[in-house]
Amino acid sequence: MSDEKVITLSEALEFDDTVHAEVKAFGGIVHLTSLSTELYTEYLSERESPVHTGHRNLLLLVYSMFTPEQRSLPKEERLRLAAQGSLQLFKKKGIQTLSMLTNKALEIHGLKDEQKEERKNVSSEAPSDASLTA
């Protein structure tokens, strides 16, 4: 038997598993926050729009830059704000800065290639009858 504490649903719901990162850019500090599953699903759906072709990761960056107030806006307003923000960043900001910020946004969401590879390696070590989703 493990010495690990068994977590109840209510304890899991109360636990803040949000990841925060601060990156020096644009003459100050840019605060990035990981997305809830609900917002991440919204981002995944929206990124498939042809409007975001070529700058889909910028959309993730913009969602990660949202303040708590922006995250609580109605969905349509969030979508409009995210689309406008990613397009403006694409048009007006330098690739080096955007790459740095986007890489950090990918990292806090576990989406960098090496993080994906690590998950793949861990999952391949699981016994064949084990389910990672069960």
C-alpha atoms as a PDB file:
ATOM      1  CA  MET A   1       0.000   0.000   0.000  1.00  0.00           C
ATOM      2  CA  SER A   2       1.292   3.417  -0.897  1.00  0.00           C
ATOM      3  CA  ASP A   3       1.883   6.197   1.620  1.00  0.00           C
ATOM      4  CA  GLU A   4       0.286   8.638  -0.833  1.00  0.00           C
ATOM      5  CA  LYS A   5      -2.840  10.424   0.343  1.00  0.00           C
ATOM      6  CA  VAL A   6      -6.021   9.340  -1.401  1.00  0.00           C
ATOM      7  CA  ILE A   7      -7.710  12.408  -2.849  1.00  0.00           C
ATOM      8  CA  THR A   8     -11.477  12.774  -2.904  1.00  0.00           C
ATOM      9  CA  LEU A   9     -13.378  14.470  -5.704  1.00  0.00           C
ATOM     10  CA  SER A  10     -14.056  17.541  -3.568  1.00  0.00           C
ATOM     11  CA  GLU A  11     -10.351  17.808  -2.691  1.00  0.00           C
ATOM     12  CA  ALA A  12      -9.418  17.486  -6.360  1.00  0.00           C
ATOM     13  CA  LEU A  13     -11.891  20.210  -7.272  1.00  0.00           C
ATOM     14  CA  GLU A  14     -10.475  22.522  -4.605  1.00  0.00           C
ATOM     15  CA  PHE A  15      -6.840  21.952  -5.642  1.00  0.00           C
ATOM     16  CA  ASP A  16      -5.390  24.649  -7.908  1.00  0.00           C
ATOM     17  CA  ASP A  17      -3.334  22.885 -10.581  1.00  0.00           C
ATOM     18  CA  THR A  18      -2.969  26.008 -12.705  1.00  0.00           C
ATOM     19  CA  VAL A  19       0.532  26.586 -14.080  1.00  0.00           C
ATOM     20  CA  HIS A  20       1.827  30.161 -14.188  1.00  0.00           C
ATOM     21  CA  ALA A  21       4.858  31.553 -15.982  1.00  0.00           C
ATOM     22  CA  GLU A  22       6.345  34.997 -16.291  1.00  0.00           C
ATOM     23  CA  VAL A  23       8.381  35.948 -19.342  1.00  0.00           C
ATOM     24  CA  LYS A  24      10.313  39.160 -19.958  1.00  0.00           C
ATOM     25  CA  ALA A  25       8.997  40.659 -23.177  1.00  0.00           C
ATOM     26  CA  PHE A  26       7.714  43.916 -24.639  1.00  0.00           C
ATOM     27  CA  GLY A  27       9.567  45.962 -22.038  1.00  0.00           C
ATOM     28  CA  GLY A  28       8.001  44.230 -19.040  1.00  0.00           C
ATOM     29  CA  ILE A  29       6.756  40.906 -17.730  1.00  0.00           C
ATOM     30  CA  VAL A  30       4.155  38.884 -19.621  1.00  0.00           C
ATOM     31  CA  HIS A  31       2.131  36.634 -17.319  1.00  0.00           C
ATOM     32  CA  LEU A  32       1.016  33.331 -18.859  1.00  0.00           C
ATOM     33  CA  THR A  33      -1.504  31.001 -17.247  1.00  0.00           C
ATOM     34  CA  SER A  34      -2.417  27.472 -18.248  1.00  0.00           C
ATOM     35  CA  LEU A  35      -5.926  26.919 -19.543  1.00  0.00           C
ATOM     36  CA  SER A  36      -8.666  24.966 -17.858  1.00  0.00           C
ATOM     37  CA  THR A  37      -9.831  21.944 -19.827  1.00  0.00           C
ATOM     38  CA  GLU A  38     -12.918  23.913 -20.871  1.00  0.00           C
ATOM     39  CA  LEU A  39     -10.857  26.802 -22.292  1.00  0.00           C
ATOM     40  CA  TYR A  40      -8.332  24.419 -23.843  1.00  0.00           C
ATOM     41  CA  THR A  41     -11.164  22.629 -25.653  1.00  0.00           C
ATOM     42  CA  GLU A  42     -12.455  25.999 -26.850  1.00  0.00           C
ATOM     43  CA  TYR A  43      -8.964  26.852 -28.116  1.00  0.00           C
ATOM     44  CA  LEU A  44      -8.652  23.482 -29.915  1.00  0.00           C
ATOM     45  CA  SER A  45     -11.979  24.013 -31.635  1.00  0.00           C
ATOM     46  CA  GLU A  46     -11.190  27.598 -32.618  1.00  0.00           C
ATOM     47  CA  ARG A  47      -7.677  26.875 -33.892  1.00  0.00           C
ATOM     48  CA  GLU A  48      -9.141  24.723 -36.672  1.00  0.00           C
ATOM     49  CA  SER A  49     -10.724  27.808 -38.218  1.00  0.00           C
ATOM     50  CA  PRO A  50      -9.040  28.786 -41.501  1.00  0.00           C
ATOM     51  CA  VAL A  51      -8.614  32.274 -40.021  1.00  0.00           C
ATOM     52  CA  HIS A  52      -5.860  30.890 -37.751  1.00  0.00           C
ATOM     53  CA  THR A  53      -3.951  28.937 -40.392  1.00  0.00           C
ATOM     54  CA  GLY A  54      -0.270  29.743 -40.014  1.00  0.00           C
ATOM     55  CA  HIS A  55      -0.559  31.178 -36.525  1.00  0.00           C
ATOM     56  CA  ARG A  56      -2.477  28.627 -34.473  1.00  0.00           C
ATOM     57  CA  ASN A  57       0.057  28.620 -31.646  1.00  0.00           C
ATOM     58  CA  LEU A  58      -0.358  32.382 -31.326  1.00  0.00           C
ATOM     59  CA  LEU A  59      -3.970  31.686 -30.463  1.00  0.00           C
ATOM     60  CA  LEU A  60      -2.790  29.509 -27.560  1.00  0.00           C
ATOM     61  CA  LEU A  61      -0.472  32.320 -26.505  1.00  0.00           C
ATOM     62  CA  VAL A  62      -3.316  34.837 -26.484  1.00  0.00           C
ATOM     63  CA  TYR A  63      -5.563  32.498 -24.470  1.00  0.00           C
ATOM     64  CA  SER A  64      -2.655  32.010 -22.032  1.00  0.00           C
ATOM     65  CA  MET A  65      -2.292  35.791 -21.686  1.00  0.00           C
ATOM     66  CA  PHE A  66      -5.971  36.295 -20.805  1.00  0.00           C
ATOM     67  CA  THR A  67      -6.611  37.843 -17.405  1.00  0.00           C
ATOM     68  CA  PRO A  68      -9.106  36.148 -15.060  1.00  0.00           C
ATOM     69  CA  GLU A  69     -11.658  38.770 -16.135  1.00  0.00           C
ATOM     70  CA  GLN A  70     -11.118  37.973 -19.820  1.00  0.00           C
ATOM     71  CA  ARG A  71     -11.397  34.240 -19.116  1.00  0.00           C
ATOM     72  CA  SER A  72     -14.796  34.790 -17.562  1.00  0.00           C
ATOM     73  CA  LEU A  73     -16.210  36.740 -20.536  1.00  0.00           C
ATOM     74  CA  PRO A  74     -18.982  35.078 -22.519  1.00  0.00           C
ATOM     75  CA  LYS A  75     -17.586  32.604 -25.051  1.00  0.00           C
ATOM     76  CA  GLU A  76     -18.319  34.736 -28.112  1.00  0.00           C
ATOM     77  CA  GLU A  77     -16.485  37.709 -26.617  1.00  0.00           C
ATOM     78  CA  ARG A  78     -13.501  35.499 -25.688  1.00  0.00           C
ATOM     79  CA  LEU A  79     -13.383  34.101 -29.229  1.00  0.00           C
ATOM     80  CA  ARG A  80     -13.460  37.585 -30.738  1.00  0.00           C
ATOM     81  CA  LEU A  81     -10.784  38.851 -28.353  1.00  0.00           C
ATOM     82  CA  ALA A  82      -8.559  35.814 -28.991  1.00  0.00           C
ATOM     83  CA  ALA A  83      -8.884  36.118 -32.764  1.00  0.00           C
ATOM     84  CA  GLN A  84      -8.142  39.845 -32.725  1.00  0.00           C
ATOM     85  CA  GLY A  85      -5.223  39.429 -30.338  1.00  0.00           C
ATOM     86  CA  SER A  86      -3.533  36.654 -32.306  1.00  0.00           C
ATOM     87  CA  LEU A  87      -3.965  38.516 -35.590  1.00  0.00           C
ATOM     88  CA  GLN A  88      -2.528  41.733 -34.129  1.00  0.00           C
ATOM     89  CA  LEU A  89       0.459  39.894 -32.648  1.00  0.00           C
ATOM     90  CA  PHE A  90       1.023  38.184 -36.008  1.00  0.00           C
ATOM     91  CA  LYS A  91       0.929  41.478 -37.890  1.00  0.00           C
ATOM     92  CA  LYS A  92       2.829  43.736 -35.499  1.00  0.00           C
ATOM     93  CA  LYS A  93       5.296  41.826 -33.320  1.00  0.00           C
ATOM     94  CA  GLY A  94       8.689  40.260 -34.000  1.00  0.00           C
ATOM     95  CA  ILE A  95       9.124  36.563 -34.574  1.00  0.00           C
ATOM     96  CA  GLN A  96      11.844  36.157 -31.931  1.00  0.00           C
ATOM     97  CA  THR A  97       9.692  37.535 -29.117  1.00  0.00           C
ATOM     98  CA  LEU A  98       6.593  35.668 -30.258  1.00  0.00           C
ATOM     99  CA  SER A  99       8.552  32.416 -30.578  1.00  0.00           C
ATOM    100  CA  MET A 100       9.882  32.794 -27.033  1.00  0.00           C
ATOM    101  CA  LEU A 101       6.411  33.492 -25.628  1.00  0.00           C
ATOM    102  CA  THR A 102       4.747  30.772 -27.684  1.00  0.00           C
ATOM    103  CA  ASN A 103       7.343  28.219 -26.574  1.00  0.00           C
ATOM    104  CA  LYS A 104       6.594  29.067 -22.945  1.00  0.00           C
ATOM    105  CA  ALA A 105       2.831  28.797 -23.573  1.00  0.00           C
ATOM    106  CA  LEU A 106       3.364  25.384 -25.160  1.00  0.00           C
ATOM    107  CA  GLU A 107       5.544  24.349 -22.213  1.00  0.00           C
ATOM    108  CA  ILE A 108       3.032  25.267 -19.495  1.00  0.00           C
ATOM    109  CA  HIS A 109       0.439  23.190 -21.345  1.00  0.00           C
ATOM    110  CA  GLY A 110       2.779  20.217 -21.787  1.00  0.00           C
ATOM    111  CA  LEU A 111       2.720  20.572 -25.579  1.00  0.00           C
ATOM    112  CA  LYS A 112       6.409  20.930 -26.418  1.00  0.00           C
ATOM    113  CA  ASP A 113       7.730  18.051 -28.507  1.00  0.00           C
ATOM    114  CA  GLU A 114       9.994  16.741 -25.750  1.00  0.00           C
ATOM    115  CA  GLN A 115       7.095  16.773 -23.261  1.00  0.00           C
ATOM    116  CA  LYS A 116       4.927  14.828 -25.684  1.00  0.00           C
ATOM    117  CA  GLU A 117       7.755  12.341 -26.216  1.00  0.00           C
ATOM    118  CA  GLU A 118       8.178  11.933 -22.450  1.00  0.00           C
ATOM    119  CA  ARG A 119       4.461  11.140 -22.049  1.00  0.00           C
ATOM    120  CA  LYS A 120       4.720   8.684 -24.917  1.00  0.00           C
ATOM    121  CA  ASN A 121       7.691   6.976 -23.232  1.00  0.00           C
ATOM    122  CA  VAL A 122       5.911   6.817 -19.881  1.00  0.00           C
ATOM    123  CA  SER A 123       2.768   5.400 -21.457  1.00  0.00           C
ATOM    124  CA  SER A 124       4.772   2.735 -23.312  1.00  0.00           C
ATOM    125  CA  GLU A 125       6.159   1.537 -19.974  1.00  0.00           C
ATOM    126  CA  ALA A 126       2.670   0.838 -18.598  1.00  0.00           C
ATOM    127  CA  PRO A 127       1.598  -2.821 -18.456  1.00  0.00           C
ATOM    128  CA  SER A 128      -0.336  -3.791 -21.552  1.00  0.00           C
ATOM    129  CA  ASP A 129      -3.564  -4.325 -19.613  1.00  0.00           C
ATOM    130  CA  ALA A 130      -3.350  -0.913 -17.942  1.00  0.00           C
ATOM    131  CA  SER A 131      -5.493   1.932 -19.159  1.00  0.00           C
ATOM    132  CA  LEU A 132      -4.198   5.478 -18.883  1.00  0.00           C
ATOM    133  CA  THR A 133      -7.769   6.792 -18.988  1.00  0.00           C
ATOM    134  CA  ALA A 134      -9.540   4.311 -16.733  1.00  0.00           C
END
